[in-house]
Amino acid sequence: MQAICTEVEAQLHKNLKRSPEHREGHRSAEWALLDFGGFVVHVFSEQARRYYDLERLWRHAPKFDIPDQPDGPSSDRNMPESHFGHEHFSGEAASGGPQSGRSQQ
């Protein structure tokens, strides 16, 4: 899990000059979240992926392509603030899932 998160961060920094604004569960062996501001990366163990089943939760959400070029919208640091703000959200709290294995950061 840590190696995957580290590589995601390294590649996004190298290719898009993006660094996470927030990390959660990074030291966990089950789940990690990397918040890059305009997008979020979830990294799950196989067991956690089956448990949370985000594909089921989001299957009806609109889909859009993100361009591969660094000058695309995903690299624009002056994007307007999301109407969701920067609320703290824990999937475990909403789903009643297990609390063990999480690190508080």
PDB file of N, CA and C in Angstrom:
ATOM      1  N   MET A   1       0.817  -1.189   0.000  1.00  0.00           N
ATOM      2  CA  MET A   1       0.000   0.000   0.000  1.00  0.00           C
ATOM      3  C   MET A   1       0.867   1.261   0.000  1.00  0.00           C
ATOM      4  N   GLN A   2       1.853   1.296   0.888  1.00  0.00           N
ATOM      5  CA  GLN A   2       2.705   2.480   0.961  1.00  0.00           C
ATOM      6  C   GLN A   2       3.490   2.681  -0.331  1.00  0.00           C
ATOM      7  N   ALA A   3       3.966   1.589  -0.918  1.00  0.00           N
ATOM      8  CA  ALA A   3       4.738   1.687  -2.159  1.00  0.00           C
ATOM      9  C   ALA A   3       3.864   2.222  -3.295  1.00  0.00           C
ATOM     10  N   ILE A   4       2.615   1.784  -3.365  1.00  0.00           N
ATOM     11  CA  ILE A   4       1.705   2.265  -4.409  1.00  0.00           C
ATOM     12  C   ILE A   4       1.437   3.752  -4.214  1.00  0.00           C
ATOM     13  N   CYS A   5       1.129   4.160  -2.976  1.00  0.00           N
ATOM     14  CA  CYS A   5       0.878   5.582  -2.692  1.00  0.00           C
ATOM     15  C   CYS A   5       2.100   6.438  -3.024  1.00  0.00           C
ATOM     16  N   THR A   6       3.269   5.973  -2.636  1.00  0.00           N
ATOM     17  CA  THR A   6       4.502   6.713  -2.909  1.00  0.00           C
ATOM     18  C   THR A   6       4.710   6.875  -4.408  1.00  0.00           C
ATOM     19  N   GLU A   7       4.471   5.817  -5.164  1.00  0.00           N
ATOM     20  CA  GLU A   7       4.647   5.894  -6.622  1.00  0.00           C
ATOM     21  C   GLU A   7       3.611   6.803  -7.274  1.00  0.00           C
ATOM     22  N   VAL A   8       2.372   6.744  -6.830  1.00  0.00           N
ATOM     23  CA  VAL A   8       1.335   7.648  -7.355  1.00  0.00           C
ATOM     24  C   VAL A   8       1.755   9.095  -7.110  1.00  0.00           C
ATOM     25  N   GLU A   9       2.168   9.390  -5.881  1.00  0.00           N
ATOM     26  CA  GLU A   9       2.607  10.749  -5.555  1.00  0.00           C
ATOM     27  C   GLU A   9       3.797  11.167  -6.407  1.00  0.00           C
ATOM     28  N   ALA A  10       4.781  10.278  -6.562  1.00  0.00           N
ATOM     29  CA  ALA A  10       5.985  10.604  -7.331  1.00  0.00           C
ATOM     30  C   ALA A  10       5.641  10.883  -8.793  1.00  0.00           C
ATOM     31  N   GLN A  11       4.793  10.055  -9.388  1.00  0.00           N
ATOM     32  CA  GLN A  11       4.439  10.242 -10.794  1.00  0.00           C
ATOM     33  C   GLN A  11       3.613  11.502 -11.017  1.00  0.00           C
ATOM     34  N   LEU A  12       2.680  11.778 -10.122  1.00  0.00           N
ATOM     35  CA  LEU A  12       1.880  12.995 -10.277  1.00  0.00           C
ATOM     36  C   LEU A  12       2.727  14.246 -10.056  1.00  0.00           C
ATOM     37  N   HIS A  13       3.686  14.167  -9.147  1.00  0.00           N
ATOM     38  CA  HIS A  13       4.574  15.314  -8.948  1.00  0.00           C
ATOM     39  C   HIS A  13       5.495  15.495 -10.159  1.00  0.00           C
ATOM     40  N   LYS A  14       6.058  14.402 -10.633  1.00  0.00           N
ATOM     41  CA  LYS A  14       6.989  14.451 -11.767  1.00  0.00           C
ATOM     42  C   LYS A  14       6.291  14.925 -13.042  1.00  0.00           C
ATOM     43  N   ASN A  15       5.117  14.379 -13.331  1.00  0.00           N
ATOM     44  CA  ASN A  15       4.458  14.647 -14.602  1.00  0.00           C
ATOM     45  C   ASN A  15       3.508  15.843 -14.587  1.00  0.00           C
ATOM     46  N   LEU A  16       2.892  16.117 -13.451  1.00  0.00           N
ATOM     47  CA  LEU A  16       1.898  17.189 -13.398  1.00  0.00           C
ATOM     48  C   LEU A  16       2.204  18.256 -12.351  1.00  0.00           C
ATOM     49  N   LYS A  17       3.324  18.098 -11.640  1.00  0.00           N
ATOM     50  CA  LYS A  17       3.696  19.041 -10.581  1.00  0.00           C
ATOM     51  C   LYS A  17       2.591  19.153  -9.528  1.00  0.00           C
ATOM     52  N   ARG A  18       1.926  18.034  -9.250  1.00  0.00           N
ATOM     53  CA  ARG A  18       0.856  17.994  -8.245  1.00  0.00           C
ATOM     54  C   ARG A  18       1.322  17.228  -7.025  1.00  0.00           C
ATOM     55  N   SER A  19       1.021  17.730  -5.852  1.00  0.00           N
ATOM     56  CA  SER A  19       1.302  17.059  -4.587  1.00  0.00           C
ATOM     57  C   SER A  19       0.000  16.964  -3.815  1.00  0.00           C
ATOM     58  N   PRO A  20      -0.172  15.916  -3.022  1.00  0.00           N
ATOM     59  CA  PRO A  20      -1.436  15.804  -2.281  1.00  0.00           C
ATOM     60  C   PRO A  20      -1.590  16.914  -1.256  1.00  0.00           C
ATOM     61  N   GLU A  21      -2.813  17.408  -1.147  1.00  0.00           N
ATOM     62  CA  GLU A  21      -3.132  18.405  -0.137  1.00  0.00           C
ATOM     63  C   GLU A  21      -3.441  17.731   1.194  1.00  0.00           C
ATOM     64  N   HIS A  22      -3.843  16.470   1.134  1.00  0.00           N
ATOM     65  CA  HIS A  22      -4.196  15.733   2.344  1.00  0.00           C
ATOM     66  C   HIS A  22      -4.011  14.246   2.084  1.00  0.00           C
ATOM     67  N   ARG A  23      -3.564  13.538   3.110  1.00  0.00           N
ATOM     68  CA  ARG A  23      -3.432  12.077   3.056  1.00  0.00           C
ATOM     69  C   ARG A  23      -4.206  11.497   4.226  1.00  0.00           C
ATOM     70  N   GLU A  24      -4.843  10.380   3.987  1.00  0.00           N
ATOM     71  CA  GLU A  24      -5.538   9.699   5.078  1.00  0.00           C
ATOM     72  C   GLU A  24      -5.315   8.198   4.918  1.00  0.00           C
ATOM     73  N   GLY A  25      -5.047   7.529   6.021  1.00  0.00           N
ATOM     74  CA  GLY A  25      -4.860   6.086   5.996  1.00  0.00           C
ATOM     75  C   GLY A  25      -3.593   5.636   5.304  1.00  0.00           C
ATOM     76  N   HIS A  26      -2.649   6.548   5.069  1.00  0.00           N
ATOM     77  CA  HIS A  26      -1.443   6.248   4.290  1.00  0.00           C
ATOM     78  C   HIS A  26      -0.624   5.101   4.895  1.00  0.00           C
ATOM     79  N   ARG A  27      -0.645   4.981   6.204  1.00  0.00           N
ATOM     80  CA  ARG A  27       0.131   3.913   6.840  1.00  0.00           C
ATOM     81  C   ARG A  27      -0.688   2.642   7.036  1.00  0.00           C
ATOM     82  N   SER A  28      -1.934   2.684   6.668  1.00  0.00           N
ATOM     83  CA  SER A  28      -2.815   1.534   6.817  1.00  0.00           C
ATOM     84  C   SER A  28      -2.461   0.459   5.794  1.00  0.00           C
ATOM     85  N   ALA A  29      -2.710  -0.778   6.155  1.00  0.00           N
ATOM     86  CA  ALA A  29      -2.473  -1.881   5.229  1.00  0.00           C
ATOM     87  C   ALA A  29      -3.717  -2.170   4.394  1.00  0.00           C
ATOM     88  N   GLU A  30      -4.808  -1.449   4.638  1.00  0.00           N
ATOM     89  CA  GLU A  30      -6.071  -1.739   3.958  1.00  0.00           C
ATOM     90  C   GLU A  30      -6.533  -0.658   2.982  1.00  0.00           C
ATOM     91  N   TRP A  31      -6.322   0.611   3.341  1.00  0.00           N
ATOM     92  CA  TRP A  31      -6.917   1.687   2.555  1.00  0.00           C
ATOM     93  C   TRP A  31      -6.132   2.977   2.732  1.00  0.00           C
ATOM     94  N   ALA A  32      -6.019   3.742   1.650  1.00  0.00           N
ATOM     95  CA  ALA A  32      -5.396   5.064   1.722  1.00  0.00           C
ATOM     96  C   ALA A  32      -6.133   5.999   0.777  1.00  0.00           C
ATOM     97  N   LEU A  33      -6.150   7.260   1.137  1.00  0.00           N
ATOM     98  CA  LEU A  33      -6.761   8.292   0.311  1.00  0.00           C
ATOM     99  C   LEU A  33      -5.735   9.396   0.121  1.00  0.00           C
ATOM    100  N   LEU A  34      -5.542   9.812  -1.120  1.00  0.00           N
ATOM    101  CA  LEU A  34      -4.656  10.925  -1.453  1.00  0.00           C
ATOM    102  C   LEU A  34      -5.520  11.995  -2.103  1.00  0.00           C
ATOM    103  N   ASP A  35      -5.635  13.143  -1.460  1.00  0.00           N
ATOM    104  CA  ASP A  35      -6.477  14.239  -1.948  1.00  0.00           C
ATOM    105  C   ASP A  35      -5.597  15.257  -2.650  1.00  0.00           C
ATOM    106  N   PHE A  36      -5.760  15.379  -3.960  1.00  0.00           N
ATOM    107  CA  PHE A  36      -4.965  16.302  -4.758  1.00  0.00           C
ATOM    108  C   PHE A  36      -5.730  17.593  -5.065  1.00  0.00           C
ATOM    109  N   GLY A  37      -6.783  17.856  -4.327  1.00  0.00           N
ATOM    110  CA  GLY A  37      -7.548  19.085  -4.534  1.00  0.00           C
ATOM    111  C   GLY A  37      -8.649  18.889  -5.560  1.00  0.00           C
ATOM    112  N   GLY A  38      -8.302  18.770  -6.823  1.00  0.00           N
ATOM    113  CA  GLY A  38      -9.286  18.599  -7.884  1.00  0.00           C
ATOM    114  C   GLY A  38      -9.711  17.163  -8.083  1.00  0.00           C
ATOM    115  N   PHE A  39      -8.988  16.243  -7.478  1.00  0.00           N
ATOM    116  CA  PHE A  39      -9.330  14.826  -7.594  1.00  0.00           C
ATOM    117  C   PHE A  39      -8.764  14.071  -6.402  1.00  0.00           C
ATOM    118  N   VAL A  40      -9.309  12.888  -6.170  1.00  0.00           N
ATOM    119  CA  VAL A  40      -8.927  12.049  -5.038  1.00  0.00           C
ATOM    120  C   VAL A  40      -8.513  10.686  -5.572  1.00  0.00           C
ATOM    121  N   VAL A  41      -7.450  10.130  -5.010  1.00  0.00           N
ATOM    122  CA  VAL A  41      -6.996   8.784  -5.363  1.00  0.00           C
ATOM    123  C   VAL A  41      -7.236   7.882  -4.151  1.00  0.00           C
ATOM    124  N   HIS A  42      -7.958   6.789  -4.376  1.00  0.00           N
ATOM    125  CA  HIS A  42      -8.160   5.770  -3.349  1.00  0.00           C
ATOM    126  C   HIS A  42      -7.268   4.585  -3.682  1.00  0.00           C
ATOM    127  N   VAL A  43      -6.588   4.045  -2.682  1.00  0.00           N
ATOM    128  CA  VAL A  43      -5.786   2.829  -2.850  1.00  0.00           C
ATOM    129  C   VAL A  43      -6.302   1.838  -1.811  1.00  0.00           C
ATOM    130  N   PHE A  44      -6.760   0.685  -2.282  1.00  0.00           N
ATOM    131  CA  PHE A  44      -7.366  -0.315  -1.413  1.00  0.00           C
ATOM    132  C   PHE A  44      -6.619  -1.637  -1.491  1.00  0.00           C
ATOM    133  N   SER A  45      -6.626  -2.380  -0.406  1.00  0.00           N
ATOM    134  CA  SER A  45      -6.270  -3.793  -0.475  1.00  0.00           C
ATOM    135  C   SER A  45      -7.436  -4.486  -1.181  1.00  0.00           C
ATOM    136  N   GLU A  46      -7.242  -5.695  -1.625  1.00  0.00           N
ATOM    137  CA  GLU A  46      -8.321  -6.427  -2.305  1.00  0.00           C
ATOM    138  C   GLU A  46      -9.537  -6.577  -1.388  1.00  0.00           C
ATOM    139  N   GLN A  47      -9.289  -6.903  -0.124  1.00  0.00           N
ATOM    140  CA  GLN A  47     -10.392  -7.083   0.830  1.00  0.00           C
ATOM    141  C   GLN A  47     -11.167  -5.774   1.048  1.00  0.00           C
ATOM    142  N   ALA A  48     -10.465  -4.672   1.234  1.00  0.00           N
ATOM    143  CA  ALA A  48     -11.119  -3.378   1.442  1.00  0.00           C
ATOM    144  C   ALA A  48     -11.864  -2.943   0.185  1.00  0.00           C
ATOM    145  N   ARG A  49     -11.315  -3.230  -0.996  1.00  0.00           N
ATOM    146  CA  ARG A  49     -11.993  -2.856  -2.239  1.00  0.00           C
ATOM    147  C   ARG A  49     -13.324  -3.584  -2.367  1.00  0.00           C
ATOM    148  N   ARG A  50     -13.336  -4.855  -2.029  1.00  0.00           N
ATOM    149  CA  ARG A  50     -14.605  -5.603  -2.061  1.00  0.00           C
ATOM    150  C   ARG A  50     -15.582  -5.051  -1.030  1.00  0.00           C
ATOM    151  N   TYR A  51     -15.100  -4.719   0.163  1.00  0.00           N
ATOM    152  CA  TYR A  51     -15.961  -4.233   1.235  1.00  0.00           C
ATOM    153  C   TYR A  51     -16.621  -2.901   0.868  1.00  0.00           C
ATOM    154  N   TYR A  52     -15.828  -1.915   0.416  1.00  0.00           N
ATOM    155  CA  TYR A  52     -16.362  -0.589   0.130  1.00  0.00           C
ATOM    156  C   TYR A  52     -17.060  -0.508  -1.215  1.00  0.00           C
ATOM    157  N   ASP A  53     -16.637  -1.299  -2.188  1.00  0.00           N
ATOM    158  CA  ASP A  53     -17.299  -1.405  -3.492  1.00  0.00           C
ATOM    159  C   ASP A  53     -17.664  -0.039  -4.072  1.00  0.00           C
ATOM    160  N   LEU A  54     -16.662   0.830  -4.196  1.00  0.00           N
ATOM    161  CA  LEU A  54     -16.910   2.176  -4.712  1.00  0.00           C
ATOM    162  C   LEU A  54     -17.470   2.170  -6.127  1.00  0.00           C
ATOM    163  N   GLU A  55     -17.133   1.167  -6.908  1.00  0.00           N
ATOM    164  CA  GLU A  55     -17.673   1.082  -8.259  1.00  0.00           C
ATOM    165  C   GLU A  55     -19.198   1.015  -8.209  1.00  0.00           C
ATOM    166  N   ARG A  56     -19.748   0.281  -7.242  1.00  0.00           N
ATOM    167  CA  ARG A  56     -21.205   0.191  -7.098  1.00  0.00           C
ATOM    168  C   ARG A  56     -21.770   1.542  -6.683  1.00  0.00           C
ATOM    169  N   LEU A  57     -21.111   2.214  -5.744  1.00  0.00           N
ATOM    170  CA  LEU A  57     -21.617   3.496  -5.262  1.00  0.00           C
ATOM    171  C   LEU A  57     -21.614   4.578  -6.338  1.00  0.00           C
ATOM    172  N   TRP A  58     -20.638   4.532  -7.232  1.00  0.00           N
ATOM    173  CA  TRP A  58     -20.467   5.593  -8.217  1.00  0.00           C
ATOM    174  C   TRP A  58     -20.870   5.201  -9.634  1.00  0.00           C
ATOM    175  N   ARG A  59     -21.427   4.016  -9.837  1.00  0.00           N
ATOM    176  CA  ARG A  59     -21.676   3.553 -11.212  1.00  0.00           C
ATOM    177  C   ARG A  59     -22.627   4.439 -12.002  1.00  0.00           C
ATOM    178  N   HIS A  60     -23.500   5.186 -11.363  1.00  0.00           N
ATOM    179  CA  HIS A  60     -24.440   6.058 -12.075  1.00  0.00           C
ATOM    180  C   HIS A  60     -23.953   7.496 -12.180  1.00  0.00           C
ATOM    181  N   ALA A  61     -22.788   7.782 -11.621  1.00  0.00           N
ATOM    182  CA  ALA A  61     -22.239   9.142 -11.694  1.00  0.00           C
ATOM    183  C   ALA A  61     -21.764   9.428 -13.111  1.00  0.00           C
ATOM    184  N   PRO A  62     -21.858  10.675 -13.547  1.00  0.00           N
ATOM    185  CA  PRO A  62     -21.358  11.020 -14.882  1.00  0.00           C
ATOM    186  C   PRO A  62     -19.861  10.749 -14.980  1.00  0.00           C
ATOM    187  N   LYS A  63     -19.426  10.308 -16.126  1.00  0.00           N
ATOM    188  CA  LYS A  63     -18.012  10.025 -16.363  1.00  0.00           C
ATOM    189  C   LYS A  63     -17.460  11.065 -17.334  1.00  0.00           C
ATOM    190  N   PHE A  64     -16.183  11.413 -17.135  1.00  0.00           N
ATOM    191  CA  PHE A  64     -15.519  12.321 -18.060  1.00  0.00           C
ATOM    192  C   PHE A  64     -14.058  11.928 -18.166  1.00  0.00           C
ATOM    193  N   ASP A  65     -13.470  12.268 -19.311  1.00  0.00           N
ATOM    194  CA  ASP A  65     -12.065  11.974 -19.555  1.00  0.00           C
ATOM    195  C   ASP A  65     -11.205  13.104 -19.019  1.00  0.00           C
ATOM    196  N   ILE A  66     -10.071  12.736 -18.447  1.00  0.00           N
ATOM    197  CA  ILE A  66      -9.093  13.714 -17.982  1.00  0.00           C
ATOM    198  C   ILE A  66      -7.933  13.677 -18.961  1.00  0.00           C
ATOM    199  N   PRO A  67      -7.602  14.803 -19.583  1.00  0.00           N
ATOM    200  CA  PRO A  67      -6.513  14.805 -20.568  1.00  0.00           C
ATOM    201  C   PRO A  67      -5.181  14.431 -19.930  1.00  0.00           C
ATOM    202  N   ASP A  68      -4.324  13.816 -20.742  1.00  0.00           N
ATOM    203  CA  ASP A  68      -3.010  13.404 -20.271  1.00  0.00           C
ATOM    204  C   ASP A  68      -2.008  14.553 -20.235  1.00  0.00           C
ATOM    205  N   GLN A  69      -2.291  15.659 -20.900  1.00  0.00           N
ATOM    206  CA  GLN A  69      -1.337  16.760 -20.958  1.00  0.00           C
ATOM    207  C   GLN A  69      -1.275  17.482 -19.616  1.00  0.00           C
ATOM    208  N   PRO A  70      -0.055  17.844 -19.164  1.00  0.00           N
ATOM    209  CA  PRO A  70       0.091  18.588 -17.907  1.00  0.00           C
ATOM    210  C   PRO A  70      -0.631  19.932 -17.917  1.00  0.00           C
ATOM    211  N   ASP A  71      -0.899  20.514 -19.116  1.00  0.00           N
ATOM    212  CA  ASP A  71      -1.554  21.817 -19.161  1.00  0.00           C
ATOM    213  C   ASP A  71      -3.072  21.685 -19.198  1.00  0.00           C
ATOM    214  N   GLY A  72      -3.601  20.483 -18.984  1.00  0.00           N
ATOM    215  CA  GLY A  72      -5.042  20.254 -18.952  1.00  0.00           C
ATOM    216  C   GLY A  72      -5.662  20.794 -17.687  1.00  0.00           C
ATOM    217  N   PRO A  73      -6.990  20.702 -17.575  1.00  0.00           N
ATOM    218  CA  PRO A  73      -7.694  21.265 -16.427  1.00  0.00           C
ATOM    219  C   PRO A  73      -7.247  20.690 -15.091  1.00  0.00           C
ATOM    220  N   SER A  74      -6.750  19.460 -15.062  1.00  0.00           N
ATOM    221  CA  SER A  74      -6.383  18.863 -13.776  1.00  0.00           C
ATOM    222  C   SER A  74      -5.155  19.506 -13.163  1.00  0.00           C
ATOM    223  N   SER A  75      -4.378  20.252 -13.949  1.00  0.00           N
ATOM    224  CA  SER A  75      -3.181  20.882 -13.394  1.00  0.00           C
ATOM    225  C   SER A  75      -3.417  22.342 -13.020  1.00  0.00           C
ATOM    226  N   ASP A  76      -4.616  22.858 -13.252  1.00  0.00           N
ATOM    227  CA  ASP A  76      -4.918  24.252 -12.962  1.00  0.00           C
ATOM    228  C   ASP A  76      -5.145  24.449 -11.474  1.00  0.00           C
ATOM    229  N   ARG A  77      -4.174  25.048 -10.805  1.00  0.00           N
ATOM    230  CA  ARG A  77      -4.262  25.246  -9.355  1.00  0.00           C
ATOM    231  C   ARG A  77      -5.206  26.389  -9.001  1.00  0.00           C
ATOM    232  N   ASN A  78      -5.694  27.150  -9.992  1.00  0.00           N
ATOM    233  CA  ASN A  78      -6.591  28.262  -9.721  1.00  0.00           C
ATOM    234  C   ASN A  78      -8.037  27.898 -10.010  1.00  0.00           C
ATOM    235  N   MET A  79      -8.339  26.610  -9.948  1.00  0.00           N
ATOM    236  CA  MET A  79      -9.709  26.175 -10.183  1.00  0.00           C
ATOM    237  C   MET A  79     -10.594  26.700  -9.061  1.00  0.00           C
ATOM    238  N   PRO A  80     -11.866  27.025  -9.384  1.00  0.00           N
ATOM    239  CA  PRO A  80     -12.753  27.504  -8.328  1.00  0.00           C
ATOM    240  C   PRO A  80     -12.948  26.434  -7.265  1.00  0.00           C
ATOM    241  N   GLU A  81     -13.175  26.882  -6.051  1.00  0.00           N
ATOM    242  CA  GLU A  81     -13.374  25.971  -4.918  1.00  0.00           C
ATOM    243  C   GLU A  81     -14.629  25.145  -5.135  1.00  0.00           C
ATOM    244  N   SER A  82     -14.556  23.878  -4.854  1.00  0.00           N
ATOM    245  CA  SER A  82     -15.700  22.981  -4.964  1.00  0.00           C
ATOM    246  C   SER A  82     -16.766  23.394  -3.956  1.00  0.00           C
ATOM    247  N   HIS A  83     -18.033  23.192  -4.307  1.00  0.00           N
ATOM    248  CA  HIS A  83     -19.105  23.505  -3.367  1.00  0.00           C
ATOM    249  C   HIS A  83     -19.143  22.504  -2.217  1.00  0.00           C
ATOM    250  N   PHE A  84     -18.339  21.451  -2.285  1.00  0.00           N
ATOM    251  CA  PHE A  84     -18.261  20.490  -1.201  1.00  0.00           C
ATOM    252  C   PHE A  84     -17.298  20.949  -0.114  1.00  0.00           C
ATOM    253  N   GLY A  85     -16.457  21.927  -0.412  1.00  0.00           N
ATOM    254  CA  GLY A  85     -15.506  22.422   0.570  1.00  0.00           C
ATOM    255  C   GLY A  85     -14.461  21.379   0.908  1.00  0.00           C
ATOM    256  N   HIS A  86     -13.861  21.494   2.074  1.00  0.00           N
ATOM    257  CA  HIS A  86     -12.831  20.561   2.516  1.00  0.00           C
ATOM    258  C   HIS A  86     -13.303  19.839   3.764  1.00  0.00           C
ATOM    259  N   GLU A  87     -14.500  19.267   3.687  1.00  0.00           N
ATOM    260  CA  GLU A  87     -15.039  18.542   4.829  1.00  0.00           C
ATOM    261  C   GLU A  87     -14.235  17.281   5.067  1.00  0.00           C
ATOM    262  N   HIS A  88     -14.139  16.886   6.324  1.00  0.00           N
ATOM    263  CA  HIS A  88     -13.508  15.615   6.644  1.00  0.00           C
ATOM    264  C   HIS A  88     -14.544  14.522   6.444  1.00  0.00           C
ATOM    265  N   PHE A  89     -14.199  13.500   5.718  1.00  0.00           N
ATOM    266  CA  PHE A  89     -15.107  12.385   5.492  1.00  0.00           C
ATOM    267  C   PHE A  89     -14.380  11.090   5.738  1.00  0.00           C
ATOM    268  N   SER A  90     -15.002  10.221   6.469  1.00  0.00           N
ATOM    269  CA  SER A  90     -14.452   8.892   6.695  1.00  0.00           C
ATOM    270  C   SER A  90     -15.446   7.886   6.192  1.00  0.00           C
ATOM    271  N   GLY A  91     -15.092   7.114   5.184  1.00  0.00           N
ATOM    272  CA  GLY A  91     -15.964   6.089   4.636  1.00  0.00           C
ATOM    273  C   GLY A  91     -16.404   5.102   5.685  1.00  0.00           C
ATOM    274  N   GLU A  92     -15.535   4.820   6.652  1.00  0.00           N
ATOM    275  CA  GLU A  92     -15.901   3.876   7.695  1.00  0.00           C
ATOM    276  C   GLU A  92     -17.060   4.406   8.522  1.00  0.00           C
ATOM    277  N   ALA A  93     -17.040   5.699   8.839  1.00  0.00           N
ATOM    278  CA  ALA A  93     -18.098   6.266   9.664  1.00  0.00           C
ATOM    279  C   ALA A  93     -19.433   6.192   8.933  1.00  0.00           C
ATOM    280  N   ALA A  94     -19.430   6.443   7.630  1.00  0.00           N
ATOM    281  CA  ALA A  94     -20.666   6.434   6.869  1.00  0.00           C
ATOM    282  C   ALA A  94     -21.159   5.012   6.627  1.00  0.00           C
ATOM    283  N   SER A  95     -20.255   4.072   6.464  1.00  0.00           N
ATOM    284  CA  SER A  95     -20.652   2.716   6.105  1.00  0.00           C
ATOM    285  C   SER A  95     -20.763   1.792   7.297  1.00  0.00           C
ATOM    286  N   GLY A  96     -20.284   2.221   8.449  1.00  0.00           N
ATOM    287  CA  GLY A  96     -20.261   1.332   9.605  1.00  0.00           C
ATOM    288  C   GLY A  96     -19.166   0.301   9.495  1.00  0.00           C
ATOM    289  N   GLY A  97     -18.189   0.570   8.634  1.00  0.00           N
ATOM    290  CA  GLY A  97     -17.105  -0.384   8.389  1.00  0.00           C
ATOM    291  C   GLY A  97     -16.124  -0.435   9.521  1.00  0.00           C
ATOM    292  N   PRO A  98     -15.145  -1.292   9.420  1.00  0.00           N
ATOM    293  CA  PRO A  98     -14.169  -1.482  10.495  1.00  0.00           C
ATOM    294  C   PRO A  98     -13.328  -0.246  10.712  1.00  0.00           C
ATOM    295  N   GLN A  99     -12.976   0.029  11.939  1.00  0.00           N
ATOM    296  CA  GLN A  99     -12.135   1.168  12.283  1.00  0.00           C
ATOM    297  C   GLN A  99     -10.679   0.759  12.436  1.00  0.00           C
ATOM    298  N   SER A 100     -10.408  -0.530  12.588  1.00  0.00           N
ATOM    299  CA  SER A 100      -9.028  -0.973  12.835  1.00  0.00           C
ATOM    300  C   SER A 100      -8.164  -0.771  11.614  1.00  0.00           C
ATOM    301  N   GLY A 101      -6.875  -0.588  11.845  1.00  0.00           N
ATOM    302  CA  GLY A 101      -5.917  -0.470  10.750  1.00  0.00           C
ATOM    303  C   GLY A 101      -5.770   0.940  10.222  1.00  0.00           C
ATOM    304  N   ARG A 102      -6.544   1.889  10.725  1.00  0.00           N
ATOM    305  CA  ARG A 102      -6.461   3.258  10.243  1.00  0.00           C
ATOM    306  C   ARG A 102      -5.493   4.045  11.094  1.00  0.00           C
ATOM    307  N   SER A 103      -4.756   4.891  10.461  1.00  0.00           N
ATOM    308  CA  SER A 103      -3.876   5.773  11.216  1.00  0.00           C
ATOM    309  C   SER A 103      -4.489   7.166  11.205  1.00  0.00           C
ATOM    310  N   GLN A 104      -4.444   7.833  12.307  1.00  0.00           N
ATOM    311  CA  GLN A 104      -4.949   9.201  12.390  1.00  0.00           C
ATOM    312  C   GLN A 104      -3.813  10.142  12.043  1.00  0.00           C
ATOM    313  N   GLN A 105      -4.031  11.008  11.076  1.00  0.00           N
ATOM    314  CA  GLN A 105      -2.999  11.938  10.659  1.00  0.00           C
ATOM    315  C   GLN A 105      -3.494  13.345  10.785  1.00  0.00           C
TER     316      GLN A 105
END
